């Protein structure tokens, strides 16, 4: 009976070790998967920031293009410059970003988009400026960058959705809760966001 009891205890011990090993390797794989997917989100966010920064870097070129037109509505250009300053002043940590961070970022970038759109409407009143080579160069670069912004934000949303789905699925959500992996916010589409801006006019 004694040997049988020892054997039973040993069998239980081995079983517990096996279960522990399974849980450990499952948990490790899940954790590493979360890390990989979160790093992908961070990379995609870096790409988003890069294209938005490229757009902001175009503003000095725009200023140079219009500064020689003394009758140009300077207030419109001033609003673009102010919106640029606000947009570039927002720094977000992608590993800890919240819905509020994303909303603030989108609002600032949207304000710059609106200011640029209004300026381009005003430019319509100035045929010489419309034909100015510097302004034409700005238009081409601006259109290309806006298309890149749309592409990169889509890639970011896809990465964030993949990450969010992974950490919310059972039993991954158990590991995520213990290891503090939190859901990432996504870009919310604005009205007409699917269409690139048509800055070229006849």
N, C-alpha and C. Protein backbone atom coordinates (compact mmCIF):
# COMPACT_ATOMS: atom_id res chain seq x y z
N UNK A 1 0.83 -1.21 0.00
CA UNK A 1 0.00 0.00 0.00
C UNK A 1 0.86 1.25 0.00
N UNK A 2 2.01 1.18 0.76
CA UNK A 2 2.90 2.34 0.84
C UNK A 2 3.49 2.67 -0.51
N UNK A 3 3.95 1.61 -1.23
CA UNK A 3 4.53 1.83 -2.56
C UNK A 3 3.49 2.38 -3.53
N UNK A 4 2.28 1.85 -3.41
CA UNK A 4 1.21 2.31 -4.28
C UNK A 4 0.89 3.77 -4.03
N UNK A 5 0.93 4.19 -2.73
CA UNK A 5 0.68 5.59 -2.38
C UNK A 5 1.78 6.49 -2.91
N UNK A 6 3.03 6.04 -2.82
CA UNK A 6 4.16 6.83 -3.34
C UNK A 6 4.07 6.97 -4.84
N UNK A 7 3.69 5.88 -5.48
CA UNK A 7 3.55 5.91 -6.94
C UNK A 7 2.46 6.89 -7.36
N UNK A 8 1.39 6.87 -6.62
CA UNK A 8 0.28 7.78 -6.92
C UNK A 8 0.70 9.22 -6.75
N UNK A 9 1.42 9.52 -5.68
CA UNK A 9 1.90 10.89 -5.43
C UNK A 9 2.89 11.32 -6.51
N UNK A 10 3.75 10.36 -6.91
CA UNK A 10 4.71 10.68 -7.96
C UNK A 10 4.04 10.95 -9.29
N UNK A 11 3.01 10.17 -9.57
CA UNK A 11 2.27 10.36 -10.82
C UNK A 11 1.58 11.72 -10.85
N UNK A 12 1.02 12.09 -9.69
CA UNK A 12 0.38 13.40 -9.59
C UNK A 12 1.39 14.51 -9.78
N UNK A 13 2.57 14.32 -9.18
CA UNK A 13 3.62 15.33 -9.30
C UNK A 13 4.06 15.52 -10.74
N UNK A 14 4.23 14.40 -11.44
CA UNK A 14 4.63 14.47 -12.86
C UNK A 14 3.55 15.15 -13.69
N UNK A 15 2.30 14.79 -13.38
CA UNK A 15 1.19 15.39 -14.12
C UNK A 15 1.15 16.90 -13.92
N UNK A 16 1.39 17.32 -12.68
CA UNK A 16 1.40 18.76 -12.39
C UNK A 16 2.54 19.47 -13.11
N UNK A 17 3.70 18.79 -13.17
CA UNK A 17 4.84 19.36 -13.89
C UNK A 17 4.54 19.52 -15.37
N UNK A 18 3.90 18.49 -15.93
CA UNK A 18 3.54 18.53 -17.35
C UNK A 18 2.55 19.66 -17.61
N UNK A 19 1.54 19.77 -16.75
CA UNK A 19 0.54 20.84 -16.90
C UNK A 19 1.21 22.20 -16.76
N UNK A 20 2.11 22.30 -15.77
CA UNK A 20 2.82 23.57 -15.56
C UNK A 20 3.66 23.95 -16.78
N UNK A 21 4.31 22.94 -17.37
CA UNK A 21 5.14 23.20 -18.55
C UNK A 21 4.29 23.66 -19.72
N UNK A 22 3.13 23.01 -19.88
CA UNK A 22 2.23 23.38 -20.97
C UNK A 22 1.75 24.82 -20.81
N UNK A 23 1.35 25.15 -19.57
CA UNK A 23 0.88 26.51 -19.29
C UNK A 23 1.99 27.52 -19.52
N UNK A 24 3.20 27.16 -19.09
CA UNK A 24 4.35 28.07 -19.24
C UNK A 24 4.63 28.34 -20.72
N UNK A 25 4.72 27.29 -21.51
CA UNK A 25 5.03 27.46 -22.93
C UNK A 25 3.89 28.16 -23.68
N UNK A 26 2.65 27.86 -23.30
CA UNK A 26 1.50 28.54 -23.90
C UNK A 26 1.53 30.02 -23.56
N UNK A 27 1.81 30.31 -22.28
CA UNK A 27 1.86 31.71 -21.84
C UNK A 27 2.99 32.47 -22.51
N UNK A 28 4.15 31.80 -22.64
CA UNK A 28 5.30 32.44 -23.28
C UNK A 28 5.02 32.75 -24.73
N UNK A 29 4.42 31.76 -25.42
CA UNK A 29 4.09 31.98 -26.84
C UNK A 29 3.10 33.12 -26.99
N UNK A 30 2.08 33.14 -26.14
CA UNK A 30 1.08 34.21 -26.21
C UNK A 30 1.71 35.57 -25.95
N UNK A 31 2.55 35.65 -24.93
CA UNK A 31 3.21 36.91 -24.58
C UNK A 31 4.08 37.40 -25.73
N UNK A 32 4.88 36.49 -26.28
CA UNK A 32 5.76 36.87 -27.40
C UNK A 32 4.95 37.32 -28.62
N UNK A 33 3.80 36.68 -28.82
CA UNK A 33 2.93 37.06 -29.93
C UNK A 33 2.40 38.49 -29.72
N UNK A 34 2.04 38.81 -28.48
CA UNK A 34 1.56 40.16 -28.17
C UNK A 34 2.66 41.19 -28.43
N UNK A 35 3.87 40.86 -27.99
CA UNK A 35 5.00 41.77 -28.19
C UNK A 35 5.23 42.03 -29.67
N UNK A 36 5.21 40.96 -30.45
CA UNK A 36 5.45 41.08 -31.90
C UNK A 36 4.39 41.95 -32.56
N UNK A 37 3.13 41.72 -32.21
CA UNK A 37 2.05 42.48 -32.82
C UNK A 37 2.04 43.93 -32.35
N UNK A 38 2.41 44.17 -31.09
CA UNK A 38 2.48 45.54 -30.60
C UNK A 38 3.62 46.30 -31.28
N UNK A 39 4.74 45.63 -31.50
CA UNK A 39 5.85 46.26 -32.21
C UNK A 39 5.46 46.62 -33.64
N UNK A 40 4.63 45.79 -34.24
CA UNK A 40 4.14 46.09 -35.59
C UNK A 40 3.27 47.34 -35.57
N UNK A 41 2.43 47.47 -34.54
CA UNK A 41 1.61 48.67 -34.39
C UNK A 41 2.50 49.90 -34.24
N UNK A 42 3.53 49.79 -33.41
CA UNK A 42 4.45 50.91 -33.18
C UNK A 42 5.16 51.31 -34.47
N UNK A 43 5.57 50.31 -35.25
CA UNK A 43 6.23 50.60 -36.54
C UNK A 43 5.29 51.31 -37.49
N UNK A 44 4.06 50.84 -37.56
CA UNK A 44 3.08 51.46 -38.44
C UNK A 44 2.76 52.88 -37.98
N UNK A 45 2.75 53.12 -36.68
CA UNK A 45 2.52 54.47 -36.17
C UNK A 45 3.67 55.39 -36.56
N UNK A 46 4.88 54.87 -36.50
CA UNK A 46 6.05 55.65 -36.91
C UNK A 46 5.93 56.07 -38.37
N UNK A 47 5.43 55.17 -39.21
CA UNK A 47 5.22 55.49 -40.62
C UNK A 47 4.17 56.58 -40.79
N UNK A 48 3.11 56.50 -39.98
CA UNK A 48 2.06 57.53 -40.02
C UNK A 48 2.65 58.89 -39.65
N UNK A 49 3.40 58.92 -38.57
CA UNK A 49 4.01 60.18 -38.13
C UNK A 49 4.94 60.75 -39.20
N UNK A 50 5.66 59.86 -39.88
CA UNK A 50 6.61 60.30 -40.91
C UNK A 50 5.89 61.01 -42.06
N UNK A 51 4.77 60.45 -42.54
CA UNK A 51 4.10 61.08 -43.67
C UNK A 51 3.40 62.38 -43.24
N UNK A 52 2.90 62.42 -42.03
CA UNK A 52 2.31 63.68 -41.54
C UNK A 52 3.39 64.75 -41.38
N UNK A 53 4.58 64.33 -40.94
CA UNK A 53 5.68 65.29 -40.81
C UNK A 53 6.13 65.79 -42.17
N UNK A 54 6.11 64.93 -43.17
CA UNK A 54 6.46 65.35 -44.53
C UNK A 54 5.48 66.42 -45.01
N UNK A 55 4.21 66.24 -44.68
CA UNK A 55 3.23 67.24 -45.07
C UNK A 55 3.52 68.57 -44.36
N UNK A 56 3.83 68.51 -43.09
CA UNK A 56 4.15 69.73 -42.34
C UNK A 56 5.38 70.41 -42.91
N UNK A 57 6.34 69.62 -43.37
CA UNK A 57 7.57 70.17 -43.93
C UNK A 57 7.35 70.89 -45.26
N UNK A 58 6.20 70.65 -45.87
CA UNK A 58 5.88 71.32 -47.14
C UNK A 58 5.45 72.78 -46.92
N UNK A 59 5.00 73.11 -45.73
CA UNK A 59 4.44 74.44 -45.48
C UNK A 59 5.42 75.57 -45.80
N UNK A 60 6.70 75.47 -45.40
CA UNK A 60 7.65 76.53 -45.79
C UNK A 60 7.74 76.72 -47.30
N UNK A 61 7.62 75.61 -48.07
CA UNK A 61 7.63 75.73 -49.53
C UNK A 61 6.40 76.51 -50.01
N UNK A 62 5.29 76.26 -49.35
CA UNK A 62 4.06 76.99 -49.69
C UNK A 62 4.22 78.47 -49.38
N UNK A 63 4.81 78.76 -48.23
CA UNK A 63 5.04 80.16 -47.85
C UNK A 63 5.92 80.86 -48.88
N UNK A 64 6.96 80.17 -49.32
CA UNK A 64 7.85 80.75 -50.32
C UNK A 64 7.13 81.00 -51.63
N UNK A 65 6.20 80.11 -51.97
CA UNK A 65 5.48 80.24 -53.23
C UNK A 65 4.57 81.47 -53.24
N UNK A 66 3.97 81.79 -52.09
CA UNK A 66 2.97 82.87 -52.08
C UNK A 66 3.51 84.21 -51.56
N UNK A 67 4.69 84.22 -50.99
CA UNK A 67 5.16 85.45 -50.34
C UNK A 67 5.36 86.60 -51.33
N UNK A 68 5.60 86.27 -52.58
CA UNK A 68 5.83 87.34 -53.56
C UNK A 68 4.52 87.95 -54.06
N UNK A 69 3.40 87.37 -53.67
CA UNK A 69 2.10 87.90 -54.09
C UNK A 69 1.55 88.77 -52.96
N UNK A 70 1.89 90.03 -53.04
CA UNK A 70 1.60 90.95 -51.94
C UNK A 70 0.11 91.07 -51.62
N UNK A 71 -0.73 90.85 -52.61
CA UNK A 71 -2.17 91.00 -52.39
C UNK A 71 -2.82 89.70 -51.89
N UNK A 72 -2.02 88.66 -51.74
CA UNK A 72 -2.59 87.39 -51.28
C UNK A 72 -3.13 87.54 -49.86
N UNK A 73 -4.21 86.86 -49.58
CA UNK A 73 -4.86 86.96 -48.27
C UNK A 73 -3.99 86.31 -47.20
N UNK A 74 -3.19 87.12 -46.54
CA UNK A 74 -2.21 86.62 -45.59
C UNK A 74 -2.86 85.91 -44.40
N UNK A 75 -4.06 86.32 -44.05
CA UNK A 75 -4.74 85.68 -42.92
C UNK A 75 -4.93 84.18 -43.17
N UNK A 76 -5.21 83.83 -44.41
CA UNK A 76 -5.41 82.42 -44.78
C UNK A 76 -4.12 81.65 -44.61
N UNK A 77 -3.02 82.23 -45.04
CA UNK A 77 -1.72 81.59 -44.90
C UNK A 77 -1.32 81.49 -43.42
N UNK A 78 -1.63 82.53 -42.67
CA UNK A 78 -1.31 82.53 -41.23
C UNK A 78 -2.01 81.37 -40.52
N UNK A 79 -3.25 81.12 -40.90
CA UNK A 79 -4.00 80.02 -40.28
C UNK A 79 -3.37 78.67 -40.60
N UNK A 80 -2.81 78.54 -41.80
CA UNK A 80 -2.11 77.31 -42.16
C UNK A 80 -0.88 77.13 -41.28
N UNK A 81 -0.13 78.21 -41.11
CA UNK A 81 1.09 78.16 -40.30
C UNK A 81 0.76 77.83 -38.84
N UNK A 82 -0.31 78.43 -38.33
CA UNK A 82 -0.71 78.16 -36.95
C UNK A 82 -1.18 76.72 -36.78
N UNK A 83 -1.92 76.23 -37.75
CA UNK A 83 -2.40 74.84 -37.69
C UNK A 83 -1.23 73.86 -37.78
N UNK A 84 -0.23 74.22 -38.58
CA UNK A 84 0.97 73.38 -38.69
C UNK A 84 1.67 73.29 -37.34
N UNK A 85 1.81 74.43 -36.67
CA UNK A 85 2.48 74.47 -35.38
C UNK A 85 1.76 73.59 -34.36
N UNK A 86 0.44 73.66 -34.37
CA UNK A 86 -0.35 72.85 -33.44
C UNK A 86 -0.22 71.36 -33.75
N UNK A 87 -0.25 71.03 -35.04
CA UNK A 87 -0.18 69.62 -35.44
C UNK A 87 1.17 68.99 -35.12
N UNK A 88 2.24 69.75 -35.32
CA UNK A 88 3.57 69.21 -35.06
C UNK A 88 3.93 69.23 -33.58
N UNK A 89 3.11 69.89 -32.78
CA UNK A 89 3.39 69.98 -31.35
C UNK A 89 2.84 68.82 -30.54
N UNK A 90 2.16 67.89 -31.20
CA UNK A 90 1.57 66.75 -30.50
C UNK A 90 2.48 65.53 -30.63
N UNK A 91 2.90 65.01 -29.48
CA UNK A 91 3.73 63.81 -29.45
C UNK A 91 2.99 62.70 -28.72
N UNK A 92 2.90 61.54 -29.36
CA UNK A 92 2.17 60.42 -28.79
C UNK A 92 3.09 59.21 -28.63
N UNK A 93 3.00 58.57 -27.47
CA UNK A 93 3.73 57.34 -27.23
C UNK A 93 2.86 56.18 -27.73
N UNK A 94 3.23 55.54 -28.83
CA UNK A 94 2.37 54.50 -29.41
C UNK A 94 2.19 53.28 -28.52
N UNK A 95 3.10 53.07 -27.57
CA UNK A 95 2.95 51.91 -26.68
C UNK A 95 1.91 52.15 -25.60
N UNK A 96 1.55 53.43 -25.38
CA UNK A 96 0.56 53.75 -24.35
C UNK A 96 -0.52 54.70 -24.84
N UNK A 97 -0.74 54.75 -26.14
CA UNK A 97 -1.71 55.70 -26.67
C UNK A 97 -3.13 55.34 -26.26
N UNK A 98 -3.94 56.38 -26.09
CA UNK A 98 -5.33 56.21 -25.69
C UNK A 98 -6.24 56.76 -26.79
N UNK A 99 -7.54 56.53 -26.63
CA UNK A 99 -8.51 57.09 -27.55
C UNK A 99 -8.43 58.62 -27.55
N UNK A 100 -8.18 59.20 -26.36
CA UNK A 100 -8.07 60.65 -26.25
C UNK A 100 -6.86 61.17 -27.01
N UNK A 101 -5.74 60.44 -26.93
CA UNK A 101 -4.53 60.82 -27.68
C UNK A 101 -4.81 60.82 -29.18
N UNK A 102 -5.46 59.76 -29.64
CA UNK A 102 -5.75 59.64 -31.06
C UNK A 102 -6.70 60.74 -31.52
N UNK A 103 -7.72 61.02 -30.70
CA UNK A 103 -8.68 62.07 -31.06
C UNK A 103 -7.99 63.43 -31.14
N UNK A 104 -7.09 63.70 -30.22
CA UNK A 104 -6.36 64.97 -30.22
C UNK A 104 -5.46 65.07 -31.46
N UNK A 105 -4.79 63.99 -31.78
CA UNK A 105 -3.91 63.96 -32.94
C UNK A 105 -4.71 64.18 -34.22
N UNK A 106 -5.81 63.45 -34.36
CA UNK A 106 -6.63 63.58 -35.56
C UNK A 106 -7.24 64.97 -35.69
N UNK A 107 -7.65 65.55 -34.56
CA UNK A 107 -8.26 66.87 -34.60
C UNK A 107 -7.25 67.91 -35.09
N UNK A 108 -6.02 67.83 -34.60
CA UNK A 108 -4.98 68.79 -35.00
C UNK A 108 -4.62 68.61 -36.47
N UNK A 109 -4.47 67.37 -36.90
CA UNK A 109 -4.14 67.12 -38.30
C UNK A 109 -5.31 67.52 -39.21
N UNK A 110 -6.53 67.30 -38.73
CA UNK A 110 -7.70 67.70 -39.50
C UNK A 110 -7.80 69.21 -39.64
N UNK A 111 -7.38 69.92 -38.60
CA UNK A 111 -7.39 71.39 -38.66
C UNK A 111 -6.41 71.88 -39.72
N UNK A 112 -5.24 71.22 -39.79
CA UNK A 112 -4.26 71.60 -40.81
C UNK A 112 -4.79 71.26 -42.21
N UNK A 113 -5.42 70.12 -42.35
CA UNK A 113 -6.02 69.74 -43.63
C UNK A 113 -7.03 70.79 -44.08
N UNK A 114 -7.88 71.21 -43.15
CA UNK A 114 -8.89 72.22 -43.47
C UNK A 114 -8.29 73.55 -43.85
N UNK A 115 -7.25 73.96 -43.12
CA UNK A 115 -6.59 75.24 -43.41
C UNK A 115 -5.95 75.21 -44.79
N UNK A 116 -5.32 74.08 -45.12
CA UNK A 116 -4.70 73.95 -46.44
C UNK A 116 -5.75 73.95 -47.55
N UNK A 117 -6.86 73.29 -47.31
CA UNK A 117 -7.93 73.24 -48.30
C UNK A 117 -8.49 74.64 -48.56
N UNK A 118 -8.69 75.40 -47.50
CA UNK A 118 -9.22 76.77 -47.66
C UNK A 118 -8.22 77.65 -48.41
N UNK A 119 -6.94 77.46 -48.13
CA UNK A 119 -5.92 78.25 -48.83
C UNK A 119 -5.95 77.95 -50.33
N UNK A 120 -6.11 76.69 -50.67
CA UNK A 120 -6.12 76.32 -52.09
C UNK A 120 -7.33 76.90 -52.81
N UNK A 121 -8.42 77.03 -52.10
CA UNK A 121 -9.59 77.67 -52.69
C UNK A 121 -9.30 79.14 -52.96
N UNK A 122 -8.63 79.79 -52.01
CA UNK A 122 -8.28 81.20 -52.17
C UNK A 122 -7.33 81.39 -53.35
N UNK A 123 -6.41 80.44 -53.54
CA UNK A 123 -5.43 80.53 -54.63
C UNK A 123 -6.12 80.62 -55.99
N UNK A 124 -7.33 80.09 -56.08
CA UNK A 124 -8.09 80.15 -57.33
C UNK A 124 -8.27 81.58 -57.82
N UNK A 125 -8.23 82.53 -56.90
CA UNK A 125 -8.41 83.94 -57.26
C UNK A 125 -7.15 84.55 -57.86
N UNK A 126 -6.06 83.79 -57.83
CA UNK A 126 -4.77 84.33 -58.26
C UNK A 126 -4.20 83.46 -59.39
N UNK A 127 -4.59 83.73 -60.62
CA UNK A 127 -4.13 82.92 -61.76
C UNK A 127 -2.61 82.82 -61.86
N UNK A 128 -1.92 83.92 -61.58
CA UNK A 128 -0.46 83.90 -61.68
C UNK A 128 0.14 82.96 -60.63
N UNK A 129 -0.43 82.97 -59.44
CA UNK A 129 0.06 82.09 -58.38
C UNK A 129 -0.23 80.63 -58.72
N UNK A 130 -1.40 80.37 -59.29
CA UNK A 130 -1.76 79.01 -59.69
C UNK A 130 -0.76 78.45 -60.70
N UNK A 131 -0.22 79.34 -61.53
CA UNK A 131 0.71 78.91 -62.57
C UNK A 131 2.16 78.96 -62.11
N UNK A 132 2.39 79.46 -60.90
CA UNK A 132 3.76 79.58 -60.38
C UNK A 132 4.36 78.19 -60.19
N UNK A 133 5.61 78.02 -60.65
CA UNK A 133 6.23 76.70 -60.61
C UNK A 133 6.40 76.19 -59.18
N UNK A 134 6.73 77.09 -58.25
CA UNK A 134 6.88 76.67 -56.86
C UNK A 134 5.55 76.13 -56.32
N UNK A 135 4.48 76.81 -56.65
CA UNK A 135 3.17 76.37 -56.17
C UNK A 135 2.77 75.05 -56.83
N UNK A 136 3.05 74.91 -58.11
CA UNK A 136 2.75 73.67 -58.81
C UNK A 136 3.53 72.50 -58.20
N UNK A 137 4.79 72.75 -57.83
CA UNK A 137 5.59 71.72 -57.17
C UNK A 137 4.97 71.33 -55.83
N UNK A 138 4.52 72.36 -55.10
CA UNK A 138 3.86 72.10 -53.83
C UNK A 138 2.62 71.23 -54.03
N UNK A 139 1.81 71.56 -55.02
CA UNK A 139 0.60 70.79 -55.29
C UNK A 139 0.91 69.31 -55.54
N UNK A 140 1.92 69.07 -56.36
CA UNK A 140 2.26 67.68 -56.69
C UNK A 140 2.70 66.92 -55.44
N UNK A 141 3.59 67.54 -54.68
CA UNK A 141 4.07 66.88 -53.47
C UNK A 141 2.97 66.68 -52.45
N UNK A 142 2.11 67.69 -52.32
CA UNK A 142 1.02 67.62 -51.36
C UNK A 142 0.05 66.48 -51.69
N UNK A 143 -0.31 66.35 -52.95
CA UNK A 143 -1.20 65.28 -53.37
C UNK A 143 -0.59 63.91 -53.09
N UNK A 144 0.69 63.75 -53.40
CA UNK A 144 1.37 62.47 -53.17
C UNK A 144 1.40 62.14 -51.68
N UNK A 145 1.67 63.15 -50.86
CA UNK A 145 1.75 62.92 -49.42
C UNK A 145 0.39 62.59 -48.84
N UNK A 146 -0.66 63.27 -49.29
CA UNK A 146 -2.01 62.97 -48.80
C UNK A 146 -2.39 61.53 -49.14
N UNK A 147 -2.01 61.07 -50.32
CA UNK A 147 -2.27 59.67 -50.68
C UNK A 147 -1.50 58.73 -49.76
N UNK A 148 -0.26 59.10 -49.42
CA UNK A 148 0.55 58.28 -48.52
C UNK A 148 -0.05 58.26 -47.12
N UNK A 149 -0.59 59.40 -46.69
CA UNK A 149 -1.22 59.46 -45.37
C UNK A 149 -2.38 58.48 -45.30
N UNK A 150 -3.20 58.46 -46.33
CA UNK A 150 -4.34 57.54 -46.35
C UNK A 150 -3.87 56.09 -46.32
N UNK A 151 -2.83 55.80 -47.08
CA UNK A 151 -2.29 54.44 -47.11
C UNK A 151 -1.75 54.02 -45.75
N UNK A 152 -0.93 54.88 -45.15
CA UNK A 152 -0.28 54.53 -43.88
C UNK A 152 -1.28 54.44 -42.74
N UNK A 153 -2.33 55.27 -42.76
CA UNK A 153 -3.32 55.16 -41.69
C UNK A 153 -4.12 53.86 -41.81
N UNK A 154 -4.35 53.43 -43.05
CA UNK A 154 -5.02 52.14 -43.24
C UNK A 154 -4.15 51.01 -42.71
N UNK A 155 -2.85 51.05 -43.02
CA UNK A 155 -1.93 50.03 -42.53
C UNK A 155 -1.88 50.02 -41.01
N UNK A 156 -1.89 51.22 -40.42
CA UNK A 156 -1.88 51.31 -38.96
C UNK A 156 -3.14 50.68 -38.38
N UNK A 157 -4.29 51.01 -38.94
CA UNK A 157 -5.55 50.46 -38.45
C UNK A 157 -5.59 48.94 -38.55
N UNK A 158 -5.03 48.42 -39.65
CA UNK A 158 -5.00 46.96 -39.82
C UNK A 158 -4.13 46.31 -38.74
N UNK A 159 -2.98 46.93 -38.46
CA UNK A 159 -2.08 46.39 -37.44
C UNK A 159 -2.71 46.48 -36.05
N UNK A 160 -3.36 47.60 -35.77
CA UNK A 160 -4.01 47.79 -34.48
C UNK A 160 -5.17 46.81 -34.30
N UNK A 161 -5.93 46.58 -35.37
CA UNK A 161 -7.05 45.64 -35.29
C UNK A 161 -6.56 44.22 -35.05
N UNK A 162 -5.48 43.85 -35.73
CA UNK A 162 -4.90 42.52 -35.55
C UNK A 162 -4.43 42.34 -34.11
N UNK A 163 -3.76 43.34 -33.58
CA UNK A 163 -3.28 43.31 -32.20
C UNK A 163 -4.45 43.25 -31.22
N UNK A 164 -5.43 44.12 -31.41
CA UNK A 164 -6.59 44.18 -30.50
C UNK A 164 -7.36 42.86 -30.49
N UNK A 165 -7.55 42.29 -31.68
CA UNK A 165 -8.27 41.02 -31.76
C UNK A 165 -7.52 39.93 -31.02
N UNK A 166 -6.21 39.91 -31.17
CA UNK A 166 -5.38 38.88 -30.53
C UNK A 166 -5.46 38.96 -29.01
N UNK A 167 -5.34 40.16 -28.45
CA UNK A 167 -5.32 40.26 -26.99
C UNK A 167 -6.70 40.11 -26.36
N UNK A 168 -7.75 40.25 -27.16
CA UNK A 168 -9.11 40.13 -26.61
C UNK A 168 -9.69 38.72 -26.73
N UNK A 169 -9.06 37.88 -27.55
CA UNK A 169 -9.55 36.52 -27.72
C UNK A 169 -9.25 35.68 -26.47
N UNK A 170 -10.16 34.78 -26.13
CA UNK A 170 -9.93 33.86 -25.02
C UNK A 170 -9.08 32.69 -25.52
N UNK A 171 -8.08 32.25 -24.76
CA UNK A 171 -7.68 32.68 -23.42
C UNK A 171 -6.59 33.75 -23.42
N UNK A 172 -6.28 34.33 -24.61
CA UNK A 172 -5.24 35.35 -24.66
C UNK A 172 -5.53 36.52 -23.73
N UNK A 173 -6.82 36.84 -23.57
CA UNK A 173 -7.18 37.98 -22.73
C UNK A 173 -6.71 37.81 -21.29
N UNK A 174 -6.59 36.57 -20.84
CA UNK A 174 -6.10 36.32 -19.47
C UNK A 174 -4.65 36.77 -19.35
N UNK A 175 -3.84 36.35 -20.32
CA UNK A 175 -2.42 36.75 -20.32
C UNK A 175 -2.31 38.26 -20.49
N UNK A 176 -3.09 38.82 -21.40
CA UNK A 176 -3.03 40.26 -21.67
C UNK A 176 -3.35 41.06 -20.42
N UNK A 177 -4.34 40.62 -19.66
CA UNK A 177 -4.70 41.34 -18.43
C UNK A 177 -3.58 41.29 -17.40
N UNK A 178 -2.93 40.13 -17.29
CA UNK A 178 -1.85 39.99 -16.32
C UNK A 178 -0.59 40.73 -16.74
N UNK A 179 -0.36 40.87 -18.04
CA UNK A 179 0.87 41.49 -18.54
C UNK A 179 0.66 42.93 -19.03
N UNK A 180 -0.54 43.45 -18.79
CA UNK A 180 -0.84 44.87 -19.06
C UNK A 180 -0.76 45.26 -20.53
N UNK A 181 -1.15 44.35 -21.41
CA UNK A 181 -1.28 44.70 -22.82
C UNK A 181 -2.68 45.26 -23.02
N UNK A 182 -2.74 46.51 -23.49
CA UNK A 182 -4.03 47.19 -23.61
C UNK A 182 -4.39 47.45 -25.06
N UNK A 183 -5.68 47.61 -25.30
CA UNK A 183 -6.19 47.85 -26.64
C UNK A 183 -5.65 49.15 -27.22
N UNK A 184 -5.35 49.14 -28.51
CA UNK A 184 -4.85 50.32 -29.20
C UNK A 184 -5.99 51.05 -29.92
N UNK A 185 -5.99 52.39 -29.89
CA UNK A 185 -7.01 53.14 -30.63
C UNK A 185 -6.72 53.09 -32.13
N UNK A 186 -7.73 53.39 -32.93
CA UNK A 186 -7.57 53.39 -34.38
C UNK A 186 -8.03 54.72 -34.95
N UNK A 187 -7.58 55.01 -36.17
CA UNK A 187 -8.03 56.21 -36.86
C UNK A 187 -9.50 56.05 -37.21
N UNK A 188 -10.25 57.10 -37.00
CA UNK A 188 -11.65 57.10 -37.39
C UNK A 188 -11.77 57.92 -38.67
N UNK A 189 -12.46 57.35 -39.65
CA UNK A 189 -12.56 57.99 -40.96
C UNK A 189 -13.38 59.27 -40.88
N UNK A 190 -12.89 60.30 -41.54
CA UNK A 190 -13.65 61.54 -41.69
C UNK A 190 -14.51 61.43 -42.93
N UNK A 191 -15.48 62.28 -43.03
CA UNK A 191 -16.34 62.29 -44.22
C UNK A 191 -15.49 62.59 -45.45
N UNK A 192 -15.60 61.74 -46.44
CA UNK A 192 -14.84 61.93 -47.67
C UNK A 192 -13.39 61.53 -47.56
N UNK A 193 -13.05 60.82 -46.49
CA UNK A 193 -11.65 60.45 -46.27
C UNK A 193 -11.13 59.46 -47.30
N UNK A 194 -12.05 58.75 -47.96
CA UNK A 194 -11.60 57.77 -48.93
C UNK A 194 -11.09 58.40 -50.22
N UNK A 195 -11.37 59.68 -50.42
CA UNK A 195 -10.99 60.35 -51.66
C UNK A 195 -9.82 61.30 -51.41
N UNK A 196 -8.77 61.15 -52.19
CA UNK A 196 -7.62 62.04 -52.05
C UNK A 196 -8.03 63.44 -52.49
N UNK A 197 -7.42 64.47 -51.90
CA UNK A 197 -7.79 65.82 -52.26
C UNK A 197 -7.42 66.17 -53.70
N UNK A 198 -8.32 66.80 -54.39
CA UNK A 198 -8.06 67.20 -55.77
C UNK A 198 -7.59 68.65 -55.74
N UNK A 199 -6.26 68.81 -55.67
CA UNK A 199 -5.71 70.16 -55.56
C UNK A 199 -5.35 70.74 -56.91
N UNK A 200 -5.47 69.95 -57.97
CA UNK A 200 -5.16 70.47 -59.30
C UNK A 200 -6.44 71.02 -59.94
N UNK A 201 -6.36 72.14 -60.44
CA UNK A 201 -7.53 72.78 -61.05
C UNK A 201 -7.21 73.16 -62.48
N UNK A 202 -8.25 73.23 -63.24
CA UNK A 202 -8.05 73.60 -64.65
C UNK A 202 -7.87 75.12 -64.77
